[in-house]
Amino acid sequence: MRNKFVAMIVFFAMLFSIVPAPAFADVLEKSFPDVSATGYIVADVESGTVLFGKNADVQAAPADLVKIMTAILAIESGNLDTEITVKNLPNLDGMNAVTVHLVKGERYTMRSLVEVMLVASANDAAYVVAEGVAGSADKFVTLMNSKAKELGMSNTEFKNPHGQDAEGQLTTAADMAKLASHAMKSDTFRAMVKTQQVNWKGVSYEKPLANTNQLFSIMSDATGVQSGHTAAAKYTLIGSAKKDNRELVGVILGASDSSIYQNMRNILNYGFEHTKVVPVIQKDTLQTVLQFDEQHKVRVVAGENYSVILPSNNASIVSYQMVLDNAERPIKKNTQVGALEVLLDGSEIYQVPLIALEDARKPINWVFVAAVVLSLVYIASIISRSITMMQKERRKKSAVQSRTQSNVQNTASGSKNYDRLMTSIEHPTQVKTSSMQKKTLTSSRDRQNHQTPKQ
């Protein structure tokens, strides 16, 4: 019992150790640019590793950055080529909101509305997209907040699909970096946010519309993402850039003016220059082969890519070691059999899952099978004998009951016959008495005595 308890503790310890280790600190903890804003952050797009930032978890209004969530939900719905009829439109009067002057009854593909929403920041297009995806703006907001939780955006609350100021609509730079990194993994989204101009041809409005993200005009390596501006949010911006096959994303919230674009360029460039990527393992690379016999072997590969991001002047040693926790049969294909423990200067910082590429069934123990079969035969014979004995007992009881019933019936029948016989025979006493009476009445003495005296 004690051994089982210890085994359970070891199993759960290994199970939870497979969860990727969280980043305990930013890559750069000092000596990075200072930005005049509510909060900002720079992160690696592929891994999500935070390079540096300030007040990254302080909440602020997001403005048009909300449209990134609206766009990714529309793209992931798979209905970009569906035509949508404009039904309801938000009341944007007095908000100084950008629109493409949509009119009720007009029809557009969802793709064209998403594109003009991202490139030109069209608020009415965002509203119509929301209704096209979920049926109503309120239902769509529910989807937005659900997706935020899925992405780990724990400090974000959406109130509308377009980003205009609304009470309680708040986010953080860290949360928006997670959203942007997720969105940039979509080729469709990536192509849209990099489009420099949309030639909009609406029913009542036709005009070439330039991309509102001015980062493209000052940074040749820029790849996205979205800019925003409202009275409550001030200036907001998510920018991304790619150099040497490495992409970074930056988020700035609550900046006071349009210098936000220069600041974005500065912090992205600083991230590229002061950090480096150390590749550790590549997905699907063979790590070991589990050989059970000549016919049965299982190849084990790395389950994901993993790299360590370090300060450029860091001379730490990165290594890894293999730990197998399921090297015995049975093994199922595409299941985890262990992990590669990534070590930085000897301390574990991450675990890469190890995946089996083949099945390995447990060998058949023929001695055990034979023992089971013999046991079943023996049990079956015992059951058969028991059934036979029970059947004999039932037949014996049935025969006894039959004889008993027959005797009872015979006894009852004899009694009835006897009664009938006795009632049919005249009683001898009665016969004798009658005869004596007749003789007495006919004697001479009696005749004399019975003669009536003469008067």
Protein backbone atom coordinates (compact mmCIF):
# COMPACT_ATOMS: atom_id res chain seq x y z
CA MET A 1 0.00 0.00 0.00
CA ARG A 2 2.83 2.36 0.90
CA ASN A 3 4.61 1.63 -2.41
CA LYS A 4 1.44 2.46 -4.35
CA PHE A 5 1.12 5.75 -2.48
CA VAL A 6 4.73 6.70 -3.26
CA ALA A 7 4.23 5.73 -6.92
CA MET A 8 1.19 8.02 -7.15
CA ILE A 9 3.18 10.94 -5.71
CA VAL A 10 5.98 10.39 -8.23
CA PHE A 11 3.48 10.14 -11.11
CA PHE A 12 1.76 13.43 -10.30
CA ALA A 13 5.07 15.17 -9.70
CA MET A 14 6.23 14.13 -13.17
CA LEU A 15 2.89 15.06 -14.68
CA PHE A 16 2.98 18.62 -13.40
CA SER A 17 6.67 19.01 -14.18
CA ILE A 18 5.82 18.61 -17.88
CA VAL A 19 4.00 21.95 -17.86
CA PRO A 20 6.25 24.59 -19.47
CA ALA A 21 8.14 26.58 -16.88
CA PRO A 22 6.95 30.18 -16.65
CA ALA A 23 9.25 33.12 -17.34
CA PHE A 24 10.28 34.41 -13.94
CA ALA A 25 11.77 37.67 -15.24
CA ASP A 26 12.11 39.72 -18.38
CA VAL A 27 15.20 39.09 -20.51
CA LEU A 28 16.39 42.65 -19.85
CA GLU A 29 15.68 43.85 -16.33
CA LYS A 30 17.57 47.15 -16.55
CA SER A 31 19.16 49.54 -19.03
CA PHE A 32 16.37 49.74 -21.57
CA PRO A 33 14.56 52.74 -23.11
CA ASP A 34 12.10 54.76 -21.10
CA VAL A 35 8.83 55.61 -22.88
CA SER A 36 6.39 58.28 -21.79
CA ALA A 37 3.18 56.23 -21.63
CA THR A 38 0.89 54.42 -19.24
CA GLY A 39 2.70 51.18 -20.00
CA TYR A 40 4.63 49.37 -22.69
CA ILE A 41 6.22 46.02 -23.53
CA VAL A 42 8.42 44.26 -26.12
CA ALA A 43 8.08 40.50 -26.67
CA ASP A 44 9.16 37.74 -29.04
CA VAL A 45 6.29 36.81 -31.38
CA GLU A 46 7.06 33.10 -31.73
CA SER A 47 7.76 32.20 -28.11
CA GLY A 48 5.94 35.01 -26.30
CA THR A 49 9.07 35.70 -24.23
CA VAL A 50 9.01 39.19 -22.74
CA LEU A 51 12.24 41.10 -23.48
CA PHE A 52 11.55 44.19 -21.39
CA GLY A 53 8.85 46.69 -20.52
CA LYS A 54 7.44 49.07 -17.95
CA ASN A 55 4.05 48.98 -16.21
CA ALA A 56 3.09 46.21 -18.63
CA ASP A 57 0.29 45.01 -16.32
CA VAL A 58 -1.26 48.42 -15.67
CA GLN A 59 -4.73 48.70 -17.18
CA ALA A 60 -5.56 51.35 -19.77
CA ALA A 61 -8.13 51.97 -22.51
CA PRO A 62 -7.14 50.14 -25.75
CA ALA A 63 -8.88 52.32 -28.38
CA ASP A 64 -8.72 50.80 -31.88
CA LEU A 65 -6.44 47.94 -30.78
CA VAL A 66 -9.73 46.17 -29.98
CA LYS A 67 -10.15 45.65 -33.73
CA ILE A 68 -7.40 43.01 -33.65
CA MET A 69 -9.66 40.76 -31.58
CA THR A 70 -12.62 41.52 -33.86
CA ALA A 71 -10.56 40.63 -36.92
CA ILE A 72 -9.11 37.38 -35.59
CA LEU A 73 -12.54 36.11 -34.51
CA ALA A 74 -13.90 36.88 -37.99
CA ILE A 75 -10.94 35.13 -39.65
CA GLU A 76 -11.20 32.08 -37.39
CA SER A 77 -14.94 31.82 -38.12
CA GLY A 78 -14.02 30.68 -41.64
CA ASN A 79 -16.68 32.88 -43.26
CA LEU A 80 -14.58 35.63 -44.83
CA ASP A 81 -16.13 35.11 -48.28
CA THR A 82 -19.71 35.26 -46.95
CA GLU A 83 -21.73 38.30 -47.97
CA ILE A 84 -23.14 40.36 -45.12
CA THR A 85 -26.10 42.70 -45.29
CA VAL A 86 -25.72 45.88 -43.25
CA LYS A 87 -28.58 45.80 -40.72
CA ASN A 88 -27.72 47.91 -37.71
CA LEU A 89 -25.11 50.60 -37.29
CA PRO A 90 -23.57 52.01 -34.12
CA ASN A 91 -24.25 55.57 -33.05
CA LEU A 92 -20.83 57.12 -33.63
CA ASP A 93 -21.98 60.73 -33.67
CA GLY A 94 -19.79 62.95 -31.54
CA MET A 95 -17.05 60.31 -31.21
CA ASN A 96 -14.95 61.59 -34.08
CA ALA A 97 -14.86 57.99 -35.26
CA VAL A 98 -13.50 56.89 -38.62
CA THR A 99 -16.13 55.27 -40.85
CA VAL A 100 -16.62 54.21 -44.47
CA HIS A 101 -20.20 55.47 -44.39
CA LEU A 102 -21.98 52.13 -44.56
CA VAL A 103 -25.73 52.29 -45.20
CA LYS A 104 -28.39 49.86 -44.06
CA GLY A 105 -29.22 47.33 -46.77
CA GLU A 106 -25.79 47.37 -48.44
CA ARG A 107 -24.02 44.05 -48.96
CA TYR A 108 -20.29 43.36 -48.60
CA THR A 109 -18.11 40.31 -48.12
CA MET A 110 -16.83 39.87 -44.60
CA ARG A 111 -13.29 39.84 -46.00
CA SER A 112 -13.61 43.36 -47.42
CA LEU A 113 -15.08 44.68 -44.17
CA VAL A 114 -12.35 43.10 -42.04
CA GLU A 115 -9.65 44.53 -44.32
CA VAL A 116 -10.98 48.10 -44.28
CA MET A 117 -11.46 47.81 -40.53
CA LEU A 118 -7.79 46.88 -39.99
CA VAL A 119 -6.18 49.13 -42.60
CA ALA A 120 -8.32 52.27 -42.30
CA SER A 121 -9.68 51.61 -38.77
CA ALA A 122 -13.30 51.79 -39.97
CA ASN A 123 -15.53 51.58 -36.91
CA ASP A 124 -18.82 50.94 -38.72
CA ALA A 125 -17.18 48.06 -40.60
CA ALA A 126 -16.11 46.53 -37.27
CA TYR A 127 -19.69 46.70 -35.99
CA VAL A 128 -21.12 45.00 -39.09
CA VAL A 129 -18.43 42.30 -38.91
CA ALA A 130 -19.43 41.59 -35.30
CA GLU A 131 -23.09 41.16 -36.27
CA GLY A 132 -22.10 38.99 -39.23
CA VAL A 133 -20.13 36.62 -37.01
CA ALA A 134 -22.35 36.39 -33.92
CA GLY A 135 -25.75 37.81 -34.94
CA SER A 136 -25.46 40.80 -32.64
CA ALA A 137 -22.77 43.05 -31.19
CA ASP A 138 -23.56 41.95 -27.63
CA LYS A 139 -23.12 38.27 -28.47
CA PHE A 140 -19.90 39.09 -30.29
CA VAL A 141 -18.50 40.88 -27.22
CA THR A 142 -19.13 37.68 -25.26
CA LEU A 143 -17.02 35.82 -27.83
CA MET A 144 -14.30 38.46 -27.53
CA ASN A 145 -14.02 38.06 -23.77
CA SER A 146 -14.10 34.28 -24.04
CA LYS A 147 -11.22 34.36 -26.52
CA ALA A 148 -9.32 36.75 -24.26
CA LYS A 149 -9.51 34.23 -21.42
CA GLU A 150 -8.37 31.48 -23.77
CA LEU A 151 -5.28 33.52 -24.66
CA GLY A 152 -4.48 34.28 -21.02
CA MET A 153 -5.47 37.96 -21.22
CA SER A 154 -6.42 38.05 -17.56
CA ASN A 155 -6.51 41.85 -17.22
CA THR A 156 -8.65 42.62 -20.27
CA GLU A 157 -12.37 43.35 -20.60
CA PHE A 158 -14.00 44.15 -23.96
CA LYS A 159 -17.21 46.18 -24.20
CA ASN A 160 -17.59 46.71 -27.97
CA PRO A 161 -16.08 45.40 -31.23
CA HIS A 162 -14.62 48.69 -32.55
CA GLY A 163 -12.71 50.18 -29.60
CA GLN A 164 -14.47 53.46 -29.07
CA ASP A 165 -14.34 54.62 -25.46
CA ALA A 166 -16.66 52.62 -23.19
CA GLU A 167 -16.74 52.40 -19.41
CA GLY A 168 -14.91 49.31 -18.22
CA GLN A 169 -13.21 48.55 -21.53
CA LEU A 170 -9.63 48.08 -20.36
CA THR A 171 -6.52 46.09 -21.22
CA THR A 172 -2.77 45.98 -20.51
CA ALA A 173 0.32 46.08 -22.69
CA ALA A 174 1.15 42.50 -21.67
CA ASP A 175 -2.32 41.24 -22.65
CA MET A 176 -2.24 43.02 -26.00
CA ALA A 177 1.17 41.51 -26.78
CA LYS A 178 -0.39 38.05 -26.30
CA LEU A 179 -3.27 38.94 -28.62
CA ALA A 180 -1.01 40.38 -31.32
CA SER A 181 1.38 37.41 -31.20
CA HIS A 182 -1.57 35.06 -31.66
CA ALA A 183 -3.04 37.12 -34.51
CA MET A 184 0.28 37.36 -36.38
CA LYS A 185 0.35 33.56 -36.64
CA SER A 186 -2.55 33.90 -39.13
CA ASP A 187 -1.30 34.48 -42.69
CA THR A 188 -4.59 36.19 -43.57
CA PHE A 189 -4.35 38.62 -40.68
CA ARG A 190 -0.66 39.26 -41.36
CA ALA A 191 -1.35 40.13 -45.01
CA MET A 192 -4.21 42.48 -44.12
CA VAL A 193 -2.35 44.53 -41.49
CA LYS A 194 0.59 44.98 -43.86
CA THR A 195 -1.60 46.30 -46.69
CA GLN A 196 -0.65 49.92 -47.28
CA GLN A 197 -3.82 51.05 -49.01
CA VAL A 198 -7.40 49.87 -49.57
CA ASN A 199 -9.31 51.15 -52.58
CA TRP A 200 -12.70 51.19 -50.95
CA LYS A 201 -15.69 51.06 -53.30
CA GLY A 202 -18.84 51.28 -51.26
CA VAL A 203 -22.34 52.00 -52.52
CA SER A 204 -22.39 55.53 -51.15
CA TYR A 205 -18.69 56.10 -50.47
CA GLU A 206 -15.66 55.44 -52.67
CA LYS A 207 -12.12 56.44 -51.77
CA PRO A 208 -8.53 55.08 -51.53
CA LEU A 209 -7.76 54.66 -47.82
CA ALA A 210 -4.19 54.57 -46.44
CA ASN A 211 -3.01 52.38 -43.58
CA THR A 212 -3.30 54.32 -40.32
CA ASN A 213 -0.20 52.62 -38.87
CA GLN A 214 2.55 55.18 -39.55
CA LEU A 215 5.24 52.79 -38.31
CA PHE A 216 5.54 51.52 -41.90
CA SER A 217 6.69 54.93 -43.06
CA ILE A 218 9.60 55.15 -40.59
CA MET A 219 10.69 51.50 -40.17
CA SER A 220 11.48 49.35 -43.19
CA ASP A 221 11.39 46.13 -41.15
CA ALA A 222 7.84 46.79 -39.88
CA THR A 223 5.27 43.99 -40.37
CA GLY A 224 2.22 45.39 -38.51
CA VAL A 225 0.05 45.78 -36.52
CA GLN A 226 -2.55 48.40 -35.42
CA SER A 227 -2.78 51.98 -34.23
CA GLY A 228 -5.46 53.71 -32.17
CA HIS A 229 -6.55 57.05 -30.77
CA THR A 230 -9.50 58.15 -28.63
CA ALA A 231 -10.03 60.83 -26.01
CA ALA A 232 -9.84 58.42 -23.09
CA ALA A 233 -7.14 56.11 -24.46
CA LYS A 234 -4.95 58.86 -25.96
CA TYR A 235 -2.53 57.26 -28.44
CA THR A 236 -2.13 53.50 -28.54
CA LEU A 237 -0.04 51.34 -30.86
CA ILE A 238 0.93 47.74 -31.47
CA GLY A 239 3.93 47.49 -33.76
CA SER A 240 5.87 44.52 -35.07
CA ALA A 241 9.07 44.10 -37.05
CA LYS A 242 11.15 41.24 -38.41
CA LYS A 243 14.96 41.01 -38.69
CA ASP A 244 17.17 38.00 -39.38
CA ASN A 245 14.21 35.61 -39.30
CA ARG A 246 13.20 36.92 -35.88
CA GLU A 247 10.03 38.91 -35.17
CA LEU A 248 9.31 41.16 -32.21
CA VAL A 249 6.09 42.86 -31.16
CA GLY A 250 5.77 46.03 -29.12
CA VAL A 251 2.75 47.56 -27.36
CA ILE A 252 2.46 51.13 -26.10
CA LEU A 253 -0.67 52.31 -24.24
CA GLY A 254 -1.61 55.81 -23.13
CA ALA A 255 1.00 57.87 -25.01
CA SER A 256 0.42 61.60 -25.10
CA ASP A 257 1.12 62.30 -28.79
CA SER A 258 2.08 60.88 -32.17
CA SER A 259 5.71 60.46 -31.10
CA ILE A 260 4.45 56.99 -30.19
CA TYR A 261 5.64 55.78 -33.63
CA GLN A 262 9.23 56.90 -33.06
CA ASN A 263 9.14 55.35 -29.61
CA MET A 264 7.86 52.08 -31.07
CA ARG A 265 10.68 51.99 -33.60
CA ASN A 266 13.20 52.68 -30.85
CA ILE A 267 12.06 49.94 -28.49
CA LEU A 268 11.78 47.34 -31.27
CA ASN A 269 15.29 48.12 -32.52
CA TYR A 270 16.59 48.03 -28.96
CA GLY A 271 15.09 44.56 -28.55
CA PHE A 272 16.82 43.28 -31.69
CA GLU A 273 20.18 44.80 -30.73
CA HIS A 274 20.34 43.87 -27.07
CA THR A 275 18.96 40.34 -27.06
CA LYS A 276 19.87 37.16 -28.90
CA VAL A 277 18.19 33.86 -29.71
CA VAL A 278 19.95 30.63 -28.77
CA PRO A 279 18.30 27.70 -30.59
CA VAL A 280 17.99 24.66 -28.34
CA ILE A 281 15.83 22.09 -30.07
CA GLN A 282 13.88 21.80 -33.29
CA LYS A 283 10.51 20.11 -33.55
CA ASP A 284 10.45 16.53 -34.90
CA THR A 285 14.18 15.95 -34.46
CA LEU A 286 14.95 12.36 -33.44
CA GLN A 287 16.10 12.09 -29.83
CA THR A 288 16.18 8.34 -29.17
CA VAL A 289 14.83 4.95 -30.29
CA LEU A 290 13.16 2.56 -27.85
CA GLN A 291 14.13 -0.95 -29.03
CA PHE A 292 11.95 -3.68 -27.50
CA ASP A 293 12.87 -6.54 -29.86
CA GLU A 294 13.87 -7.05 -33.49
CA GLN A 295 10.38 -6.27 -34.79
CA HIS A 296 9.30 -3.59 -32.34
CA LYS A 297 10.93 -0.19 -31.96
CA VAL A 298 9.62 3.31 -31.22
CA ARG A 299 11.21 6.51 -32.44
CA VAL A 300 11.02 9.43 -30.01
CA VAL A 301 11.16 13.03 -31.30
CA ALA A 302 10.98 16.55 -29.88
CA GLY A 303 7.41 17.80 -29.74
CA GLU A 304 8.10 21.49 -30.38
CA ASN A 305 10.67 24.10 -31.29
CA TYR A 306 12.40 25.80 -28.43
CA SER A 307 14.95 28.59 -28.22
CA VAL A 308 16.30 30.59 -25.32
CA ILE A 309 16.37 34.38 -25.59
CA LEU A 310 19.21 35.97 -23.67
CA PRO A 311 20.86 39.37 -23.38
CA SER A 312 23.38 39.86 -26.21
CA ASN A 313 26.32 39.98 -23.78
CA ASN A 314 25.22 36.90 -21.86
CA ALA A 315 27.67 33.96 -21.86
CA SER A 316 25.42 31.42 -20.13
CA ILE A 317 25.64 27.75 -21.13
CA VAL A 318 22.44 26.23 -22.49
CA SER A 319 22.05 22.44 -22.47
CA TYR A 320 19.36 19.81 -22.13
CA GLN A 321 18.92 16.30 -20.82
CA MET A 322 16.40 13.61 -21.69
CA VAL A 323 14.02 12.17 -19.12
CA LEU A 324 11.79 9.23 -20.11
CA ASP A 325 8.84 8.50 -17.87
CA ASN A 326 7.05 6.00 -20.13
CA ALA A 327 9.63 3.74 -21.78
CA GLU A 328 7.74 0.48 -21.26
CA ARG A 329 5.05 -1.04 -23.43
CA PRO A 330 2.25 -0.37 -24.14
CA ILE A 331 2.98 2.95 -25.89
CA LYS A 332 0.53 4.76 -28.14
CA LYS A 333 1.54 6.72 -31.21
CA ASN A 334 1.69 10.54 -30.82
CA THR A 335 1.65 10.39 -27.02
CA GLN A 336 4.21 11.93 -24.69
CA VAL A 337 6.78 9.53 -23.27
CA GLY A 338 9.04 12.01 -21.52
CA ALA A 339 10.65 15.42 -21.81
CA LEU A 340 13.85 17.25 -22.64
CA GLU A 341 14.81 19.32 -19.63
CA VAL A 342 16.38 22.56 -20.89
CA LEU A 343 19.09 23.83 -18.55
CA LEU A 344 20.55 27.32 -18.29
CA ASP A 345 23.82 27.19 -16.38
CA GLY A 346 22.65 23.90 -14.87
CA SER A 347 19.22 25.13 -13.75
CA GLU A 348 16.06 23.88 -15.45
CA ILE A 349 14.11 26.60 -17.29
CA TYR A 350 11.80 24.62 -19.59
CA GLN A 351 10.67 21.16 -20.65
CA VAL A 352 10.19 20.15 -24.28
CA PRO A 353 7.79 17.18 -24.63
CA LEU A 354 9.08 13.96 -26.21
CA ILE A 355 6.61 12.27 -28.56
CA ALA A 356 6.41 8.62 -29.70
CA LEU A 357 6.06 8.12 -33.47
CA GLU A 358 4.92 4.47 -33.32
CA ASP A 359 2.71 2.19 -31.29
CA ALA A 360 4.24 -0.51 -29.10
CA ARG A 361 1.83 -3.10 -27.81
CA LYS A 362 2.50 -4.99 -24.63
CA PRO A 363 3.81 -8.54 -25.41
CA ILE A 364 1.42 -11.43 -24.84
CA ASN A 365 2.23 -13.53 -21.76
CA TRP A 366 1.21 -16.97 -22.99
CA VAL A 367 1.77 -18.59 -19.59
CA PHE A 368 -0.65 -16.12 -18.09
CA VAL A 369 -3.13 -16.66 -20.94
CA ALA A 370 -2.92 -20.47 -20.47
CA ALA A 371 -3.43 -20.09 -16.73
CA VAL A 372 -6.46 -17.90 -17.34
CA VAL A 373 -7.92 -20.37 -19.85
CA LEU A 374 -7.39 -23.35 -17.48
CA SER A 375 -8.92 -21.38 -14.65
CA LEU A 376 -11.95 -20.57 -16.78
CA VAL A 377 -12.31 -24.23 -17.82
CA TYR A 378 -12.06 -25.33 -14.19
CA ILE A 379 -14.62 -22.75 -13.08
CA ALA A 380 -16.89 -23.78 -15.95
CA SER A 381 -16.69 -27.45 -14.92
CA ILE A 382 -17.54 -26.58 -11.33
CA ILE A 383 -20.50 -24.53 -12.49
CA SER A 384 -21.60 -27.38 -14.80
CA ARG A 385 -21.46 -29.94 -11.97
CA SER A 386 -23.34 -27.61 -9.67
CA ILE A 387 -26.06 -27.12 -12.29
CA THR A 388 -26.32 -30.90 -12.85
CA MET A 389 -26.65 -31.57 -9.11
CA MET A 390 -29.27 -28.86 -8.79
CA GLN A 391 -31.23 -30.37 -11.67
CA LYS A 392 -31.07 -33.85 -10.02
CA GLU A 393 -32.30 -32.39 -6.75
CA ARG A 394 -35.17 -30.68 -8.53
CA ARG A 395 -36.14 -33.95 -10.29
CA LYS A 396 -35.95 -35.89 -7.00
CA LYS A 397 -38.12 -33.32 -5.21
CA SER A 398 -40.54 -33.37 -8.11
CA ALA A 399 -40.81 -37.19 -7.99
CA VAL A 400 -41.42 -37.16 -4.23
CA GLN A 401 -44.10 -34.54 -4.60
CA SER A 402 -45.75 -36.54 -7.38
CA ARG A 403 -45.85 -39.75 -5.23
CA THR A 404 -47.18 -37.83 -2.28
CA GLN A 405 -49.97 -36.31 -4.33
CA SER A 406 -50.81 -39.74 -5.81
CA ASN A 407 -51.07 -41.33 -2.33
CA VAL A 408 -53.28 -38.54 -1.12
CA GLN A 409 -55.51 -38.94 -4.10
CA ASN A 410 -55.67 -42.74 -3.64
CA THR A 411 -56.48 -42.37 0.05
CA ALA A 412 -59.23 -39.90 -0.66
CA SER A 413 -60.66 -42.16 -3.38
CA GLY A 414 -60.67 -45.25 -1.08
CA SER A 415 -62.44 -43.38 1.65
CA LYS A 416 -65.17 -42.30 -0.71
CA ASN A 417 -65.64 -45.88 -2.02
CA TYR A 418 -65.78 -47.23 1.51
CA ASP A 419 -68.47 -44.75 2.48
CA ARG A 420 -70.50 -45.64 -0.54
CA LEU A 421 -70.15 -49.38 0.26
CA MET A 422 -71.17 -48.97 3.87
CA THR A 423 -74.25 -47.00 3.03
CA SER A 424 -75.38 -49.62 0.54
CA ILE A 425 -75.37 -52.57 3.16
CA GLU A 426 -78.32 -52.90 5.65
CA HIS A 427 -77.24 -52.87 9.29
CA PRO A 428 -77.50 -56.40 10.87
CA THR A 429 -79.01 -55.15 14.18
CA GLN A 430 -81.87 -53.60 12.39
CA VAL A 431 -82.61 -56.79 10.49
CA LYS A 432 -82.53 -58.95 13.63
CA THR A 433 -84.80 -56.67 15.56
CA SER A 434 -87.38 -56.63 12.87
CA SER A 435 -87.43 -60.39 12.75
CA MET A 436 -87.84 -60.75 16.52
CA GLN A 437 -90.60 -58.25 16.53
CA LYS A 438 -92.43 -60.22 13.95
CA LYS A 439 -92.01 -63.48 15.95
CA THR A 440 -93.21 -61.88 19.18
CA LEU A 441 -96.35 -60.52 17.65
CA THR A 442 -97.27 -63.86 16.27
CA SER A 443 -96.88 -65.93 19.54
CA SER A 444 -99.99 -67.42 21.15
CA ARG A 445 -99.38 -65.73 24.49
CA ASP A 446 -99.14 -62.42 22.89
CA ARG A 447 -102.17 -62.96 20.91
CA GLN A 448 -104.13 -63.82 24.08
CA ASN A 449 -102.77 -60.94 26.02
CA HIS A 450 -103.53 -58.62 23.28
CA GLN A 451 -107.05 -59.71 22.79
CA THR A 452 -109.56 -57.12 23.86
CA PRO A 453 -111.66 -58.24 26.94
CA LYS A 454 -115.25 -58.74 26.31
CA GLN A 455 -117.72 -56.49 28.07
